[in-house]
Amino acid sequence: MIKSFYPIIVILLFISCGEDETPMMDLTPAEPIVVAEAQYTLPYPVGESYNVIQGNNTSGTHQGSFRFSYDFGMAIGDTITAARGGVVVFVHEDFLDSDPLRANKIVLLHADGSLARYVHLTHRGALKTLGDSVLRGEAIALSGDSGLGNAHLHFDVINVPQPGCGPTYCASEDCSTRFTVFANASGSLNQELQEATGYLALPFRQE
């Protein structure tokens, strides 16, 4: 059951994204780091490394309301973790990986009212259900290629409530993404991630 102080917010998102085969960074951390300046960690397990195949403010689909989104080059079935703790407020996992238009997704509500959207999950790829509370770094879903584009994870954070946000759809310009940095991204701690670059998820301690 969803806790009463967390509203149920339904978000639909249809996105097309690109692909890149740039080699991933290989960096093994000596010691765990403490999450401090950034509220978010990379949305995949510690020790894993993925390329950013589309970053912020690109000539592709990350423009306008989606300008602060990231696409990570994950394969079908790869584990997605919560970039920040929260409550699951929306899950859709019924679309097939071959569906070119409709994307599976899981959405988490954070304590400050912001939402993190994890999009293009594989068919039946949600590992959590509506109302579940999750910690940062906890496995929440499996990546896929439902919706436009090849297999990857689209990740963004939006502020809510905003004008135009309804129970089943949020008008694109009224649902603008929030600039997000990651506290455990190798070579880019608490800084914007760069397109065509791989980032290893470093160990961290919960706040």
Protein backbone atom coordinates (compact mmCIF):
# COMPACT_ATOMS: atom_id res chain seq x y z
CA MET A 1 0.00 0.00 0.00
CA ILE A 2 1.29 3.51 -0.85
CA LYS A 3 2.02 5.66 2.16
CA SER A 4 -0.49 8.47 2.48
CA PHE A 5 2.11 11.23 2.32
CA TYR A 6 3.34 10.16 -1.09
CA PRO A 7 0.99 11.12 -3.96
CA ILE A 8 0.53 8.75 -6.85
CA ILE A 9 1.87 10.40 -9.94
CA VAL A 10 1.60 8.78 -13.33
CA ILE A 11 4.12 9.84 -15.93
CA LEU A 12 4.16 8.76 -19.59
CA LEU A 13 7.33 9.31 -21.55
CA PHE A 14 8.14 8.48 -25.16
CA ILE A 15 11.74 9.11 -26.14
CA SER A 16 14.08 8.33 -29.04
CA CYS A 17 17.79 8.09 -28.30
CA GLY A 18 21.09 7.43 -30.02
CA GLU A 19 23.88 4.89 -29.67
CA ASP A 20 27.66 5.03 -29.30
CA GLU A 21 30.42 2.41 -29.04
CA THR A 22 33.14 4.44 -27.34
CA PRO A 23 35.32 2.27 -25.05
CA MET A 24 34.39 2.49 -21.39
CA MET A 25 36.67 3.95 -18.74
CA ASP A 26 38.49 1.34 -16.65
CA LEU A 27 39.12 2.72 -13.18
CA THR A 28 39.15 0.68 -10.00
CA PRO A 29 38.56 2.71 -6.82
CA ALA A 30 40.95 2.29 -3.91
CA GLU A 31 38.43 3.17 -1.20
CA PRO A 32 34.70 3.86 -0.89
CA ILE A 33 33.63 7.46 -1.17
CA VAL A 34 31.06 9.28 0.94
CA VAL A 35 28.02 10.65 -0.85
CA ALA A 36 27.98 14.27 0.16
CA GLU A 37 27.60 17.01 -2.43
CA ALA A 38 25.38 15.14 -4.89
CA GLN A 39 22.04 13.59 -4.00
CA TYR A 40 22.31 10.97 -6.75
CA THR A 41 24.50 8.02 -7.61
CA LEU A 42 24.78 6.36 -11.02
CA PRO A 43 21.68 4.27 -11.83
CA TYR A 44 23.57 0.99 -12.06
CA PRO A 45 25.43 -1.27 -9.62
CA VAL A 46 28.74 -0.40 -7.99
CA GLY A 47 31.59 -1.84 -10.02
CA GLU A 48 29.72 -1.63 -13.33
CA SER A 49 30.67 0.80 -16.09
CA TYR A 50 28.53 2.14 -18.93
CA ASN A 51 28.90 4.71 -21.67
CA VAL A 52 26.84 7.88 -21.79
CA ILE A 53 25.48 7.57 -25.31
CA GLN A 54 23.54 10.83 -25.08
CA GLY A 55 24.14 13.58 -22.56
CA ASN A 56 22.66 16.97 -21.72
CA ASN A 57 21.67 19.58 -24.30
CA THR A 58 22.47 17.48 -27.36
CA SER A 59 21.56 17.80 -31.00
CA GLY A 60 19.51 14.62 -30.59
CA THR A 61 16.45 14.17 -28.38
CA HIS A 62 17.78 15.76 -25.19
CA GLN A 63 16.54 19.25 -25.91
CA GLY A 64 13.86 21.50 -24.48
CA SER A 65 12.16 19.86 -21.51
CA PHE A 66 14.47 16.81 -21.84
CA ARG A 67 17.72 18.80 -21.93
CA PHE A 68 19.00 17.46 -18.60
CA SER A 69 18.52 13.77 -19.41
CA TYR A 70 21.10 11.00 -19.73
CA ASP A 71 21.11 7.86 -21.86
CA PHE A 72 23.32 5.00 -20.68
CA GLY A 73 24.28 2.25 -23.13
CA MET A 74 22.89 -0.70 -21.19
CA ALA A 75 21.96 -4.02 -22.78
CA ILE A 76 18.64 -5.81 -22.42
CA GLY A 77 18.51 -7.40 -18.97
CA ASP A 78 21.18 -5.24 -17.30
CA THR A 79 20.40 -4.18 -13.73
CA ILE A 80 19.14 -0.67 -13.02
CA THR A 81 19.52 0.70 -9.49
CA ALA A 82 17.86 3.62 -7.72
CA ALA A 83 19.95 6.77 -8.13
CA ARG A 84 18.26 8.13 -5.00
CA GLY A 85 16.01 6.64 -2.36
CA GLY A 86 12.27 7.06 -2.71
CA VAL A 87 8.90 5.42 -3.25
CA VAL A 88 7.73 3.75 -6.46
CA VAL A 89 4.77 5.76 -7.76
CA PHE A 90 4.45 4.41 -11.29
CA VAL A 91 5.34 1.14 -13.05
CA HIS A 92 4.68 -0.02 -16.59
CA GLU A 93 6.35 -3.17 -17.84
CA ASP A 94 3.88 -4.74 -20.30
CA PHE A 95 5.32 -3.46 -23.58
CA LEU A 96 7.58 -5.74 -25.61
CA ASP A 97 11.21 -4.91 -26.29
CA SER A 98 10.33 -4.80 -29.98
CA ASP A 99 7.62 -2.15 -29.46
CA PRO A 100 8.86 0.92 -31.38
CA LEU A 101 6.54 3.48 -29.77
CA ARG A 102 5.67 2.56 -26.18
CA ALA A 103 8.28 2.51 -23.43
CA ASN A 104 8.23 0.59 -20.16
CA LYS A 105 9.25 2.68 -17.18
CA ILE A 106 9.48 2.93 -13.42
CA VAL A 107 9.17 6.25 -11.57
CA LEU A 108 10.36 7.03 -8.05
CA LEU A 109 9.13 9.91 -5.89
CA HIS A 110 11.76 11.52 -3.65
CA ALA A 111 11.28 13.25 -0.32
CA ASP A 112 11.58 16.72 -1.90
CA GLY A 113 8.78 16.01 -4.37
CA SER A 114 11.01 15.41 -7.38
CA LEU A 115 10.59 12.35 -9.61
CA ALA A 116 13.24 10.11 -11.15
CA ARG A 117 12.21 8.39 -14.38
CA TYR A 118 13.89 5.20 -15.57
CA VAL A 119 12.72 4.49 -19.12
CA HIS A 120 12.97 1.75 -21.81
CA LEU A 121 12.80 -1.20 -19.40
CA THR A 122 12.63 -4.70 -20.81
CA HIS A 123 9.32 -6.57 -20.93
CA ARG A 124 8.37 -7.53 -17.35
CA GLY A 125 11.55 -5.81 -16.24
CA ALA A 126 10.32 -4.04 -13.09
CA LEU A 127 11.81 -5.47 -9.89
CA LYS A 128 9.66 -3.30 -7.62
CA THR A 129 5.93 -2.70 -7.38
CA LEU A 130 3.77 0.34 -6.75
CA GLY A 131 4.27 1.71 -3.25
CA ASP A 132 7.61 0.01 -2.56
CA SER A 133 10.19 2.06 -0.67
CA VAL A 134 13.72 1.73 -2.03
CA LEU A 135 17.18 2.86 -0.97
CA ARG A 136 19.78 4.49 -3.15
CA GLY A 137 21.68 1.72 -4.98
CA GLU A 138 18.91 -0.87 -4.64
CA ALA A 139 18.03 -2.84 -7.78
CA ILE A 140 14.71 -1.63 -9.19
CA ALA A 141 14.47 -2.79 -12.81
CA LEU A 142 16.11 -4.38 -15.85
CA SER A 143 17.11 -2.37 -18.90
CA GLY A 144 15.59 -3.01 -22.31
CA ASP A 145 14.70 -1.41 -25.63
CA SER A 146 10.97 -0.81 -25.35
CA GLY A 147 10.04 2.41 -27.09
CA LEU A 148 12.00 4.25 -29.75
CA GLY A 149 15.72 3.60 -30.03
CA ASN A 150 18.06 0.71 -29.29
CA ALA A 151 18.62 -0.91 -25.91
CA HIS A 152 19.61 1.66 -23.29
CA LEU A 153 18.45 3.35 -20.10
CA HIS A 154 17.02 6.85 -20.25
CA PHE A 155 17.32 8.58 -16.88
CA ASP A 156 16.09 11.99 -15.80
CA VAL A 157 14.77 13.86 -12.78
CA ILE A 158 11.86 16.31 -12.88
CA ASN A 159 10.36 18.71 -10.36
CA VAL A 160 6.69 18.36 -9.43
CA PRO A 161 4.09 19.62 -9.17
CA GLN A 162 4.27 21.90 -12.17
CA PRO A 163 1.59 23.52 -14.32
CA GLY A 164 0.32 21.09 -16.92
CA CYS A 165 1.06 17.95 -14.95
CA GLY A 166 -2.00 15.72 -14.87
CA PRO A 167 -2.74 12.22 -13.59
CA THR A 168 -1.82 10.44 -16.85
CA TYR A 169 0.35 12.84 -18.84
CA CYS A 170 2.70 15.72 -18.19
CA ALA A 171 2.96 18.35 -20.92
CA SER A 172 6.58 18.33 -22.08
CA GLU A 173 7.51 21.99 -21.45
CA ASP A 174 5.82 21.91 -18.05
CA CYS A 175 7.77 18.85 -16.99
CA SER A 176 11.30 20.12 -17.46
CA THR A 177 14.17 17.98 -16.28
CA ARG A 178 16.44 18.96 -13.40
CA PHE A 179 20.22 19.26 -13.81
CA THR A 180 21.64 16.16 -12.13
CA VAL A 181 25.16 15.14 -11.11
CA PHE A 182 26.35 11.87 -9.58
CA ALA A 183 28.45 11.44 -6.45
CA ASN A 184 30.09 8.16 -7.50
CA ALA A 185 30.91 8.61 -11.20
CA SER A 186 34.59 7.81 -11.79
CA GLY A 187 36.49 10.77 -13.20
CA SER A 188 33.50 13.09 -12.84
CA LEU A 189 32.47 13.22 -9.21
CA ASN A 190 29.62 15.70 -8.73
CA GLN A 191 30.06 17.03 -12.27
CA GLU A 192 28.05 16.80 -15.49
CA LEU A 193 28.66 13.54 -17.35
CA GLN A 194 30.05 13.84 -20.86
CA GLU A 195 28.63 12.15 -23.92
CA ALA A 196 30.68 9.33 -25.51
CA THR A 197 32.41 8.63 -22.18
CA GLY A 198 32.23 5.60 -19.90
CA TYR A 199 31.77 5.92 -16.14
CA LEU A 200 32.52 3.32 -13.49
CA ALA A 201 30.16 3.35 -10.50
CA LEU A 202 32.35 3.78 -7.43
CA PRO A 203 31.47 2.39 -3.99
CA PHE A 204 29.57 4.74 -1.70
CA ARG A 205 28.02 4.88 1.75
CA GLN A 206 24.40 5.76 2.35
CA GLU A 207 23.78 9.22 3.82
